[in-house]
């Protein structure tokens, strides 16, 4: 058994990757939204700034959720794989971009901030859950 201190670095990597890639996934829809909604250069700058800050805050929250989930699931007993964490983070980034774009293109799919944040938080937690590699249980050998 390993100590939970061994889980900090791979869980931190998973959280950081999820935060960065979750933010990157939302930048293109944020830029498109800013272009469509703004009327002039000042309103564009304001809208782009607020959109990017919102996307970055959501990405940071997803990163924290991913890291906390990985540590909670690993508990010092299971291996937290940085490679699996990176794959989970890539999926979160793609999911964020797709979700933001669909909600912008089809406003009827907008669920409201509360449900949106719950779904996005669950996506971050899924990345942390996926990062932990739990070995399969070996079948009991009859004596």
Protein backbone atom coordinates (compact mmCIF):
# COMPACT_ATOMS: atom_id res chain seq x y z
CA UNK A 1 0.00 0.00 0.00
CA UNK A 2 1.19 3.44 -0.82
CA UNK A 3 0.69 6.56 1.20
CA UNK A 4 -1.83 9.21 0.18
CA UNK A 5 1.11 11.63 -0.24
CA UNK A 6 2.01 9.64 -3.36
CA UNK A 7 -1.38 10.56 -4.83
CA UNK A 8 -0.94 14.33 -4.59
CA UNK A 9 1.21 14.82 -7.70
CA UNK A 10 -0.80 12.68 -10.16
CA UNK A 11 -4.08 14.01 -8.77
CA UNK A 12 -2.73 17.57 -9.06
CA UNK A 13 -1.69 16.87 -12.64
CA UNK A 14 -5.16 15.52 -13.41
CA UNK A 15 -6.76 18.60 -11.87
CA UNK A 16 -4.44 21.03 -13.65
CA UNK A 17 -4.90 19.30 -17.01
CA UNK A 18 -8.67 19.31 -16.53
CA UNK A 19 -8.65 23.02 -15.63
CA UNK A 20 -6.51 23.99 -18.61
CA UNK A 21 -8.20 21.78 -21.20
CA UNK A 22 -11.67 22.55 -19.85
CA UNK A 23 -10.90 26.25 -20.29
CA UNK A 24 -9.40 25.75 -23.74
CA UNK A 25 -12.48 23.81 -24.81
CA UNK A 26 -14.69 26.75 -23.94
CA UNK A 27 -12.62 29.53 -25.49
CA UNK A 28 -13.82 29.13 -29.09
CA UNK A 29 -17.54 29.17 -28.21
CA UNK A 30 -16.85 32.15 -25.90
CA UNK A 31 -15.18 34.04 -28.73
CA UNK A 32 -18.04 33.25 -31.12
CA UNK A 33 -20.57 34.33 -28.50
CA UNK A 34 -18.71 37.61 -27.96
CA UNK A 35 -18.66 38.34 -31.70
CA UNK A 36 -22.36 37.58 -32.15
CA UNK A 37 -23.65 39.48 -29.10
CA UNK A 38 -21.47 42.60 -29.15
CA UNK A 39 -22.40 45.71 -31.08
CA UNK A 40 -19.18 47.70 -31.03
CA UNK A 41 -15.54 47.47 -30.03
CA UNK A 42 -16.08 48.36 -26.36
CA UNK A 43 -18.99 46.00 -25.92
CA UNK A 44 -16.96 43.29 -27.70
CA UNK A 45 -14.02 43.80 -25.35
CA UNK A 46 -16.31 43.70 -22.31
CA UNK A 47 -18.21 40.63 -23.52
CA UNK A 48 -15.03 38.76 -24.47
CA UNK A 49 -13.46 39.52 -21.09
CA UNK A 50 -16.48 38.34 -19.13
CA UNK A 51 -16.92 35.24 -21.31
CA UNK A 52 -13.26 34.23 -20.95
CA UNK A 53 -13.33 34.82 -17.18
CA UNK A 54 -16.48 32.72 -16.85
CA UNK A 55 -14.98 29.88 -18.90
CA UNK A 56 -11.75 30.05 -16.87
CA UNK A 57 -13.63 29.99 -13.56
CA UNK A 58 -15.65 26.97 -14.65
CA UNK A 59 -12.47 25.23 -15.85
CA UNK A 60 -10.77 25.92 -12.52
CA UNK A 61 -13.75 24.47 -10.67
CA UNK A 62 -13.65 21.38 -12.85
CA UNK A 63 -9.93 21.00 -12.15
CA UNK A 64 -10.47 21.18 -8.40
CA UNK A 65 -13.31 18.68 -8.67
CA UNK A 66 -11.17 16.30 -10.74
CA UNK A 67 -8.25 16.45 -8.30
CA UNK A 68 -10.47 15.99 -5.25
CA UNK A 69 -12.28 13.05 -6.85
CA UNK A 70 -9.01 11.37 -7.80
CA UNK A 71 -7.64 11.72 -4.27
CA UNK A 72 -10.89 10.52 -2.72
CA UNK A 73 -11.11 7.51 -5.02
CA UNK A 74 -7.42 6.63 -4.80
CA UNK A 75 -7.24 6.87 -0.97
CA UNK A 76 -3.57 5.91 -1.13
CA UNK A 77 -4.59 2.41 -2.19
CA UNK A 78 -5.06 2.69 -5.96
CA UNK A 79 -2.80 4.07 -8.67
CA UNK A 80 -3.73 7.48 -10.09
CA UNK A 81 -2.58 7.39 -13.69
CA UNK A 82 -1.44 10.71 -15.19
CA UNK A 83 -2.08 9.29 -18.68
CA UNK A 84 -5.68 8.41 -17.79
CA UNK A 85 -6.03 11.83 -16.15
CA UNK A 86 -4.89 13.53 -19.35
CA UNK A 87 -7.35 11.49 -21.42
CA UNK A 88 -10.14 12.43 -19.01
CA UNK A 89 -9.11 16.08 -19.24
CA UNK A 90 -9.19 15.97 -23.04
CA UNK A 91 -12.70 14.53 -22.91
CA UNK A 92 -13.76 17.28 -20.48
CA UNK A 93 -12.37 19.95 -22.84
CA UNK A 94 -14.25 18.47 -25.79
CA UNK A 95 -17.42 18.16 -23.71
CA UNK A 96 -17.17 21.78 -22.54
CA UNK A 97 -16.71 23.08 -26.07
CA UNK A 98 -19.60 21.00 -27.37
CA UNK A 99 -21.92 21.92 -24.50
CA UNK A 100 -21.19 25.65 -24.77
CA UNK A 101 -21.61 25.59 -28.55
CA UNK A 102 -24.89 23.65 -28.47
CA UNK A 103 -26.32 25.95 -25.82
CA UNK A 104 -25.31 28.98 -27.85
CA UNK A 105 -26.62 27.60 -31.15
CA UNK A 106 -29.86 26.20 -29.69
CA UNK A 107 -30.90 28.44 -26.79
CA UNK A 108 -33.72 26.07 -25.82
CA UNK A 109 -31.05 23.65 -24.54
CA UNK A 110 -29.91 26.18 -21.92
CA UNK A 111 -30.78 24.61 -18.57
CA UNK A 112 -29.94 27.54 -16.31
CA UNK A 113 -26.78 28.21 -14.30
CA UNK A 114 -27.50 25.76 -11.50
CA UNK A 115 -27.98 22.71 -13.71
CA UNK A 116 -25.20 23.79 -16.07
CA UNK A 117 -22.71 24.05 -13.22
CA UNK A 118 -23.81 20.70 -11.80
CA UNK A 119 -23.30 19.04 -15.19
CA UNK A 120 -19.92 20.71 -15.71
CA UNK A 121 -18.84 19.77 -12.18
CA UNK A 122 -19.88 16.18 -12.81
CA UNK A 123 -17.75 16.19 -15.97
CA UNK A 124 -14.74 17.31 -13.92
CA UNK A 125 -15.45 14.64 -11.31
CA UNK A 126 -15.68 12.04 -14.09
CA UNK A 127 -12.16 12.97 -15.21
CA UNK A 128 -10.87 12.43 -11.67
CA UNK A 129 -12.79 9.17 -11.38
CA UNK A 130 -11.36 7.92 -14.68
CA UNK A 131 -7.79 8.84 -13.66
CA UNK A 132 -7.77 6.25 -10.86
CA UNK A 133 -6.84 2.79 -12.08
CA UNK A 134 -8.46 0.21 -9.84
CA UNK A 135 -7.15 -3.32 -10.40
CA UNK A 136 -9.65 -6.00 -11.23
CA UNK A 137 -10.33 -8.41 -8.42
CA UNK A 138 -8.76 -11.77 -8.90
CA UNK A 139 -11.13 -14.72 -8.74
CA UNK A 140 -10.92 -16.71 -5.54
CA UNK A 141 -9.04 -19.95 -5.97
CA UNK A 142 -10.84 -22.88 -4.34
CA UNK A 143 -8.69 -24.78 -1.89
